[in-house]
C-alpha atoms as a PDB file:
ATOM      1  CA  UNK A   1       0.142  18.049   2.262  1.00  0.00           C
ATOM      2  CA  UNK A   2      -0.631  15.383   4.854  1.00  0.00           C
ATOM      3  CA  UNK A   3       2.319  14.303   6.835  1.00  0.00           C
ATOM      4  CA  UNK A   4       3.053  10.609   7.320  1.00  0.00           C
ATOM      5  CA  UNK A   5       0.290   9.746   4.893  1.00  0.00           C
ATOM      6  CA  UNK A   6      -0.367   5.999   4.236  1.00  0.00           C
ATOM      7  CA  UNK A   7      -2.525   5.143   1.192  1.00  0.00           C
ATOM      8  CA  UNK A   8      -4.072   1.872   1.651  1.00  0.00           C
ATOM      9  CA  UNK A   9      -5.307   0.272  -1.429  1.00  0.00           C
ATOM     10  CA  UNK A  10      -7.227  -2.985  -0.562  1.00  0.00           C
ATOM     11  CA  UNK A  11     -10.740  -4.036  -1.929  1.00  0.00           C
ATOM     12  CA  UNK A  12     -11.444  -6.452   0.985  1.00  0.00           C
ATOM     13  CA  UNK A  13     -13.350  -4.161   3.659  1.00  0.00           C
ATOM     14  CA  UNK A  14     -12.382  -6.331   6.537  1.00  0.00           C
ATOM     15  CA  UNK A  15      -8.742  -6.395   5.666  1.00  0.00           C
ATOM     16  CA  UNK A  16      -8.795  -2.657   4.781  1.00  0.00           C
ATOM     17  CA  UNK A  17     -10.171  -2.004   8.553  1.00  0.00           C
ATOM     18  CA  UNK A  18      -7.448  -4.221  10.046  1.00  0.00           C
ATOM     19  CA  UNK A  19      -4.635  -2.635   7.958  1.00  0.00           C
ATOM     20  CA  UNK A  20      -5.911   0.728   8.380  1.00  0.00           C
ATOM     21  CA  UNK A  21      -6.206   0.434  12.188  1.00  0.00           C
ATOM     22  CA  UNK A  22      -2.503  -1.120  12.239  1.00  0.00           C
ATOM     23  CA  UNK A  23      -1.184   1.662  10.186  1.00  0.00           C
ATOM     24  CA  UNK A  24      -2.789   4.231  12.554  1.00  0.00           C
ATOM     25  CA  UNK A  25      -1.300   2.486  15.467  1.00  0.00           C
ATOM     26  CA  UNK A  26       2.165   2.662  13.681  1.00  0.00           C
ATOM     27  CA  UNK A  27       1.535   6.564  13.517  1.00  0.00           C
ATOM     28  CA  UNK A  28       0.128   7.252  10.184  1.00  0.00           C
ATOM     29  CA  UNK A  29      -2.679   9.278   8.856  1.00  0.00           C
ATOM     30  CA  UNK A  30      -4.479   6.611   6.852  1.00  0.00           C
ATOM     31  CA  UNK A  31      -6.527   7.111   3.556  1.00  0.00           C
ATOM     32  CA  UNK A  32      -8.120   3.785   2.567  1.00  0.00           C
ATOM     33  CA  UNK A  33      -9.398   3.068  -1.119  1.00  0.00           C
ATOM     34  CA  UNK A  34     -11.317   0.025  -1.970  1.00  0.00           C
ATOM     35  CA  UNK A  35     -11.322   0.424  -5.757  1.00  0.00           C
ATOM     36  CA  UNK A  36      -8.467   0.541  -8.363  1.00  0.00           C
ATOM     37  CA  UNK A  37      -9.731   3.271 -10.413  1.00  0.00           C
ATOM     38  CA  UNK A  38     -10.340   5.460  -7.360  1.00  0.00           C
ATOM     39  CA  UNK A  39      -6.793   4.782  -6.379  1.00  0.00           C
ATOM     40  CA  UNK A  40      -5.495   5.540  -9.863  1.00  0.00           C
ATOM     41  CA  UNK A  41      -6.921   9.116  -9.695  1.00  0.00           C
ATOM     42  CA  UNK A  42      -5.738   9.623  -5.903  1.00  0.00           C
ATOM     43  CA  UNK A  43      -2.022   8.699  -6.795  1.00  0.00           C
ATOM     44  CA  UNK A  44      -2.032  11.900  -9.064  1.00  0.00           C
ATOM     45  CA  UNK A  45      -3.084  14.124  -6.216  1.00  0.00           C
ATOM     46  CA  UNK A  46      -0.995  12.892  -3.048  1.00  0.00           C
ATOM     47  CA  UNK A  47       2.473  11.800  -2.147  1.00  0.00           C
ATOM     48  CA  UNK A  48       2.087   9.311   0.574  1.00  0.00           C
ATOM     49  CA  UNK A  49       4.991   8.070   2.772  1.00  0.00           C
ATOM     50  CA  UNK A  50       3.652   4.450   2.157  1.00  0.00           C
ATOM     51  CA  UNK A  51       1.401   2.902  -0.203  1.00  0.00           C
ATOM     52  CA  UNK A  52       0.108  -0.508   0.813  1.00  0.00           C
ATOM     53  CA  UNK A  53      -1.155  -2.106  -2.457  1.00  0.00           C
ATOM     54  CA  UNK A  54      -3.227  -5.158  -3.032  1.00  0.00           C
ATOM     55  CA  UNK A  55      -2.844  -6.655  -6.539  1.00  0.00           C
ATOM     56  CA  UNK A  56      -6.234  -7.987  -6.844  1.00  0.00           C
ATOM     57  CA  UNK A  57      -8.600  -4.766  -7.167  1.00  0.00           C
ATOM     58  CA  UNK A  58     -11.638  -4.007  -9.014  1.00  0.00           C
ATOM     59  CA  UNK A  59     -11.455  -1.819 -12.247  1.00  0.00           C
ATOM     60  CA  UNK A  60      -7.700  -1.103 -12.392  1.00  0.00           C
ATOM     61  CA  UNK A  61      -5.473  -3.785 -11.004  1.00  0.00           C
ATOM     62  CA  UNK A  62      -2.493  -3.629  -8.592  1.00  0.00           C
ATOM     63  CA  UNK A  63       0.113  -4.243 -11.374  1.00  0.00           C
ATOM     64  CA  UNK A  64      -1.293  -1.240 -13.507  1.00  0.00           C
ATOM     65  CA  UNK A  65      -1.187   0.788 -10.209  1.00  0.00           C
ATOM     66  CA  UNK A  66       2.283  -0.330  -9.575  1.00  0.00           C
ATOM     67  CA  UNK A  67       3.339   0.862 -13.020  1.00  0.00           C
ATOM     68  CA  UNK A  68       1.848   4.156 -12.586  1.00  0.00           C
ATOM     69  CA  UNK A  69       3.443   4.653  -9.205  1.00  0.00           C
ATOM     70  CA  UNK A  70       7.045   3.898 -10.677  1.00  0.00           C
ATOM     71  CA  UNK A  71       6.357   6.179 -13.500  1.00  0.00           C
ATOM     72  CA  UNK A  72       5.536   9.137 -11.304  1.00  0.00           C
ATOM     73  CA  UNK A  73       8.731  10.912 -10.104  1.00  0.00           C
ATOM     74  CA  UNK A  74       6.665  12.509  -7.263  1.00  0.00           C
ATOM     75  CA  UNK A  75       6.419   8.948  -5.613  1.00  0.00           C
ATOM     76  CA  UNK A  76       9.844   7.881  -6.125  1.00  0.00           C
ATOM     77  CA  UNK A  77      10.397   8.130  -2.147  1.00  0.00           C
ATOM     78  CA  UNK A  78       7.151   6.553  -1.311  1.00  0.00           C
ATOM     79  CA  UNK A  79       7.480   3.195   0.362  1.00  0.00           C
ATOM     80  CA  UNK A  80       5.447   0.429  -1.709  1.00  0.00           C
ATOM     81  CA  UNK A  81       4.339  -2.592   0.239  1.00  0.00           C
ATOM     82  CA  UNK A  82       2.499  -4.982  -1.986  1.00  0.00           C
ATOM     83  CA  UNK A  83       0.067  -7.477  -0.334  1.00  0.00           C
ATOM     84  CA  UNK A  84      -0.868 -10.688  -1.946  1.00  0.00           C
ATOM     85  CA  UNK A  85      -2.130 -14.241  -1.183  1.00  0.00           C
ATOM     86  CA  UNK A  86      -0.290 -15.533  -3.898  1.00  0.00           C
ATOM     87  CA  UNK A  87       3.272 -16.840  -3.263  1.00  0.00           C
ATOM     88  CA  UNK A  88       4.160 -16.757  -6.929  1.00  0.00           C
ATOM     89  CA  UNK A  89       3.054 -13.283  -7.413  1.00  0.00           C
ATOM     90  CA  UNK A  90       4.869 -12.263  -4.333  1.00  0.00           C
ATOM     91  CA  UNK A  91       8.261 -13.495  -5.884  1.00  0.00           C
ATOM     92  CA  UNK A  92       7.345 -11.781  -9.070  1.00  0.00           C
ATOM     93  CA  UNK A  93       6.889  -8.390  -7.596  1.00  0.00           C
ATOM     94  CA  UNK A  94       9.586  -8.731  -4.885  1.00  0.00           C
ATOM     95  CA  UNK A  95      12.044  -6.451  -6.915  1.00  0.00           C
ATOM     96  CA  UNK A  96       9.283  -3.800  -7.616  1.00  0.00           C
ATOM     97  CA  UNK A  97       8.440  -3.030  -4.138  1.00  0.00           C
ATOM     98  CA  UNK A  98      10.004  -2.132  -0.797  1.00  0.00           C
ATOM     99  CA  UNK A  99       8.364  -5.147   0.695  1.00  0.00           C
ATOM    100  CA  UNK A 100       6.152  -7.702  -0.426  1.00  0.00           C
ATOM    101  CA  UNK A 101       3.871  -9.370   2.310  1.00  0.00           C
ATOM    102  CA  UNK A 102       1.977 -12.676   1.775  1.00  0.00           C
ATOM    103  CA  UNK A 103      -1.473 -12.693   3.254  1.00  0.00           C
ATOM    104  CA  UNK A 104      -2.524 -13.390   5.964  1.00  0.00           C
ATOM    105  CA  UNK A 105      -0.766 -10.416   7.688  1.00  0.00           C
ATOM    106  CA  UNK A 106      -1.277  -9.871  11.343  1.00  0.00           C
ATOM    107  CA  UNK A 107      -2.130  -6.460  12.845  1.00  0.00           C
ATOM    108  CA  UNK A 108       1.200  -6.576  14.766  1.00  0.00           C
ATOM    109  CA  UNK A 109       3.186  -7.440  11.762  1.00  0.00           C
ATOM    110  CA  UNK A 110       2.130  -4.546   9.836  1.00  0.00           C
ATOM    111  CA  UNK A 111       2.089  -2.205  12.644  1.00  0.00           C
ATOM    112  CA  UNK A 112       5.714  -2.850  13.610  1.00  0.00           C
ATOM    113  CA  UNK A 113       6.969  -3.108  10.170  1.00  0.00           C
ATOM    114  CA  UNK A 114       5.478   0.118   8.925  1.00  0.00           C
ATOM    115  CA  UNK A 115       6.407   2.078  12.055  1.00  0.00           C
ATOM    116  CA  UNK A 116      10.170   1.478  11.068  1.00  0.00           C
ATOM    117  CA  UNK A 117       9.489   3.684   7.825  1.00  0.00           C
ATOM    118  CA  UNK A 118       8.524   6.805  10.015  1.00  0.00           C
ATOM    119  CA  UNK A 119      12.246   7.440  10.813  1.00  0.00           C
ATOM    120  CA  UNK A 120      13.427   7.240   7.412  1.00  0.00           C
END
C-alpha cells in the first residue's frame, strides 16, 4: 500500500501535469490517470488518501466513477475532490464530494488545500 497516495483522474494532459506537481509539492505520491476506464479498474486496486476527479473523461465519465467510489467501502475514507469548469455541475456534486473546485485551479490553491488532508 502506498502511503499518501493521490489518484489524479484528469484527461487534460497539461492540467494533469500541473495538478500532479501541486499534489507532489503538498507531500503526496501521485498516480495520474487520463482515461475513465483505466481509472475504473485502478479504483478496485488501490485505496488513495485523495481522489482528484475530473467529471468529463473519455470512456467512463466522472459521474460513473463517483458512484463506484461511493459504493466501495474500502474508499470510504478517501477524500474526493471534484474538478469541473461547469458551475452548475459544481453545485450538483457539492454534497457528493469532500470539496468541489471550479476550474481554473491554481497550483498554489491545490497544493495548499490538499496539504491539509495529510494530517487527517
